[in-house]
Amino acid sequence: MIEKSIQVRIYATSLWLDCVSPNWEALIYGDYEILMPLPVKRKFGIRYLAQPPLTQQLGFYSPSEIDIKIVEAFYQKTLSLFSYGNINVNNEFPFNRFAITRRKIISSR
């Protein structure tokens, strides 16, 4: 499914995630029409999301455009499952309704 996605990234493949985040989970819409990998970690019995090492970005993956209502539903579901999370998402979507911190890349050139 990731290979056919508009937002194709190696970071969302099961091969990559199995190596860098062995306990990863995913939110899936329909018959794998949309997929959002979730790099789950656990500390003191608390489940949270953490950016896996060497993984630039995760986010939403689909072979077609994704309706913003589905994006919002995914975020709401994620918020209900995890009390804390810090992941970098692909930036093809407007995030004006969520607590998102946009980060600038500073070049030394």
C-alpha atoms as a PDB file:
ATOM      1  CA  MET A   1       0.000   0.000   0.000  1.00  0.00           C
ATOM      2  CA  ILE A   2       2.792   2.467   0.881  1.00  0.00           C
ATOM      3  CA  GLU A   3       4.469   1.895  -2.483  1.00  0.00           C
ATOM      4  CA  LYS A   4       1.281   3.043  -4.273  1.00  0.00           C
ATOM      5  CA  SER A   5       0.789   6.053  -2.008  1.00  0.00           C
ATOM      6  CA  ILE A   6       1.004   9.650  -3.217  1.00  0.00           C
ATOM      7  CA  GLN A   7       3.116  10.378  -0.141  1.00  0.00           C
ATOM      8  CA  VAL A   8       5.432   7.383  -0.622  1.00  0.00           C
ATOM      9  CA  ARG A   9       8.273   7.287   1.914  1.00  0.00           C
ATOM     10  CA  ILE A  10      10.432   4.366   3.001  1.00  0.00           C
ATOM     11  CA  TYR A  11       9.808   5.413   6.617  1.00  0.00           C
ATOM     12  CA  ALA A  12       6.242   4.081   6.511  1.00  0.00           C
ATOM     13  CA  THR A  13       7.038   0.629   5.180  1.00  0.00           C
ATOM     14  CA  SER A  14       6.659  -2.313   7.542  1.00  0.00           C
ATOM     15  CA  LEU A  15      10.254  -3.341   6.795  1.00  0.00           C
ATOM     16  CA  TRP A  16      11.548   0.019   8.076  1.00  0.00           C
ATOM     17  CA  LEU A  17       9.166   0.303  11.015  1.00  0.00           C
ATOM     18  CA  ASP A  18       9.838  -3.253  12.197  1.00  0.00           C
ATOM     19  CA  CYS A  19      13.520  -2.287  12.527  1.00  0.00           C
ATOM     20  CA  VAL A  20      13.227   1.157  14.132  1.00  0.00           C
ATOM     21  CA  SER A  21       9.961   0.811  16.085  1.00  0.00           C
ATOM     22  CA  PRO A  22       9.229  -2.882  16.708  1.00  0.00           C
ATOM     23  CA  ASN A  23       5.955  -2.211  18.575  1.00  0.00           C
ATOM     24  CA  TRP A  24       4.477   0.093  15.938  1.00  0.00           C
ATOM     25  CA  GLU A  25       0.763   0.124  15.288  1.00  0.00           C
ATOM     26  CA  ALA A  26      -1.383   1.802  12.636  1.00  0.00           C
ATOM     27  CA  LEU A  27      -4.703   3.493  12.090  1.00  0.00           C
ATOM     28  CA  ILE A  28      -6.323   2.151   8.933  1.00  0.00           C
ATOM     29  CA  TYR A  29      -9.295   3.496   7.010  1.00  0.00           C
ATOM     30  CA  GLY A  30     -11.416   1.153   4.923  1.00  0.00           C
ATOM     31  CA  ASP A  31      -9.623  -1.638   3.105  1.00  0.00           C
ATOM     32  CA  TYR A  32      -6.192  -0.026   3.580  1.00  0.00           C
ATOM     33  CA  GLU A  33      -7.320   3.045   1.639  1.00  0.00           C
ATOM     34  CA  ILE A  34      -5.540   5.288   4.148  1.00  0.00           C
ATOM     35  CA  LEU A  35      -2.843   4.280   6.594  1.00  0.00           C
ATOM     36  CA  MET A  36      -1.216   6.183   9.454  1.00  0.00           C
ATOM     37  CA  PRO A  37       1.685   4.328  11.112  1.00  0.00           C
ATOM     38  CA  LEU A  38       2.011   4.969  14.847  1.00  0.00           C
ATOM     39  CA  PRO A  39       5.453   4.429  16.413  1.00  0.00           C
ATOM     40  CA  VAL A  40       4.330   3.294  19.870  1.00  0.00           C
ATOM     41  CA  LYS A  41       6.593   3.192  22.900  1.00  0.00           C
ATOM     42  CA  ARG A  42       5.822   2.389  26.514  1.00  0.00           C
ATOM     43  CA  LYS A  43       7.366   3.710  29.711  1.00  0.00           C
ATOM     44  CA  PHE A  44       6.086   2.966  33.216  1.00  0.00           C
ATOM     45  CA  GLY A  45       2.971   1.441  31.629  1.00  0.00           C
ATOM     46  CA  ILE A  46       2.148   4.625  29.683  1.00  0.00           C
ATOM     47  CA  ARG A  47       1.816   4.304  25.921  1.00  0.00           C
ATOM     48  CA  TYR A  48       3.075   7.244  23.872  1.00  0.00           C
ATOM     49  CA  LEU A  49       4.220   8.097  20.357  1.00  0.00           C
ATOM     50  CA  ALA A  50       7.889   8.825  19.703  1.00  0.00           C
ATOM     51  CA  GLN A  51       9.717   9.583  16.487  1.00  0.00           C
ATOM     52  CA  PRO A  52      11.750   6.479  15.598  1.00  0.00           C
ATOM     53  CA  PRO A  53      15.496   6.918  15.094  1.00  0.00           C
ATOM     54  CA  LEU A  54      16.607   7.812  11.560  1.00  0.00           C
ATOM     55  CA  THR A  55      12.971   8.354  10.532  1.00  0.00           C
ATOM     56  CA  GLN A  56      12.477  11.759   8.957  1.00  0.00           C
ATOM     57  CA  GLN A  57       8.673  11.754   8.858  1.00  0.00           C
ATOM     58  CA  LEU A  58       5.569   9.643   9.096  1.00  0.00           C
ATOM     59  CA  GLY A  59       1.953  10.707   8.601  1.00  0.00           C
ATOM     60  CA  PHE A  60      -0.864   9.709   6.282  1.00  0.00           C
ATOM     61  CA  TYR A  61      -0.443   7.437   3.281  1.00  0.00           C
ATOM     62  CA  SER A  62      -2.989   6.869   0.550  1.00  0.00           C
ATOM     63  CA  PRO A  63      -3.024   6.241  -3.205  1.00  0.00           C
ATOM     64  CA  SER A  64      -5.452   9.178  -3.616  1.00  0.00           C
ATOM     65  CA  GLU A  65      -6.199  12.550  -2.059  1.00  0.00           C
ATOM     66  CA  ILE A  66      -7.352  12.361   1.569  1.00  0.00           C
ATOM     67  CA  ASP A  67     -10.422  14.210   2.823  1.00  0.00           C
ATOM     68  CA  ILE A  68      -9.564  16.599   5.675  1.00  0.00           C
ATOM     69  CA  LYS A  69     -12.444  15.110   7.711  1.00  0.00           C
ATOM     70  CA  ILE A  70     -10.674  11.751   7.700  1.00  0.00           C
ATOM     71  CA  VAL A  71      -7.417  13.428   8.740  1.00  0.00           C
ATOM     72  CA  GLU A  72      -9.262  15.071  11.636  1.00  0.00           C
ATOM     73  CA  ALA A  73     -10.855  11.752  12.623  1.00  0.00           C
ATOM     74  CA  PHE A  74      -7.437  10.082  12.616  1.00  0.00           C
ATOM     75  CA  TYR A  75      -6.004  12.821  14.824  1.00  0.00           C
ATOM     76  CA  GLN A  76      -8.941  12.638  17.227  1.00  0.00           C
ATOM     77  CA  LYS A  77      -8.552   8.863  17.472  1.00  0.00           C
ATOM     78  CA  THR A  78      -4.810   9.248  18.059  1.00  0.00           C
ATOM     79  CA  LEU A  79      -5.459  11.786  20.816  1.00  0.00           C
ATOM     80  CA  SER A  80      -7.900   9.374  22.464  1.00  0.00           C
ATOM     81  CA  LEU A  81      -5.347   6.527  22.392  1.00  0.00           C
ATOM     82  CA  PHE A  82      -2.211   8.376  23.507  1.00  0.00           C
ATOM     83  CA  SER A  83      -1.752  11.020  26.164  1.00  0.00           C
ATOM     84  CA  TYR A  84       1.581  12.125  24.741  1.00  0.00           C
ATOM     85  CA  GLY A  85       3.212  12.045  21.351  1.00  0.00           C
ATOM     86  CA  ASN A  86       5.968  13.704  19.424  1.00  0.00           C
ATOM     87  CA  ILE A  87       6.228  12.688  15.778  1.00  0.00           C
ATOM     88  CA  ASN A  88       7.108  14.470  12.549  1.00  0.00           C
ATOM     89  CA  VAL A  89       4.339  14.167   9.976  1.00  0.00           C
ATOM     90  CA  ASN A  90       4.417  14.648   6.228  1.00  0.00           C
ATOM     91  CA  ASN A  91       3.291  18.178   5.478  1.00  0.00           C
ATOM     92  CA  GLU A  92       0.805  17.659   2.669  1.00  0.00           C
ATOM     93  CA  PHE A  93      -2.097  18.485   4.993  1.00  0.00           C
ATOM     94  CA  PRO A  94      -3.371  21.642   6.698  1.00  0.00           C
ATOM     95  CA  PHE A  95      -2.956  21.347  10.466  1.00  0.00           C
ATOM     96  CA  ASN A  96      -4.595  24.531  11.714  1.00  0.00           C
ATOM     97  CA  ARG A  97      -6.861  22.694  14.192  1.00  0.00           C
ATOM     98  CA  PHE A  98      -4.152  20.752  16.008  1.00  0.00           C
ATOM     99  CA  ALA A  99      -1.292  21.604  18.330  1.00  0.00           C
ATOM    100  CA  ILE A 100       1.395  21.372  15.699  1.00  0.00           C
ATOM    101  CA  THR A 101       4.816  22.924  15.930  1.00  0.00           C
ATOM    102  CA  ARG A 102       6.301  23.707  12.563  1.00  0.00           C
ATOM    103  CA  ARG A 103      10.082  23.523  12.632  1.00  0.00           C
ATOM    104  CA  LYS A 104      12.465  25.335  10.348  1.00  0.00           C
ATOM    105  CA  ILE A 105      15.544  23.625   8.996  1.00  0.00           C
ATOM    106  CA  ILE A 106      18.542  25.852   9.425  1.00  0.00           C
ATOM    107  CA  SER A 107      21.257  25.344   6.883  1.00  0.00           C
ATOM    108  CA  SER A 108      24.893  26.121   7.607  1.00  0.00           C
ATOM    109  CA  ARG A 109      25.477  27.175   3.996  1.00  0.00           C
END
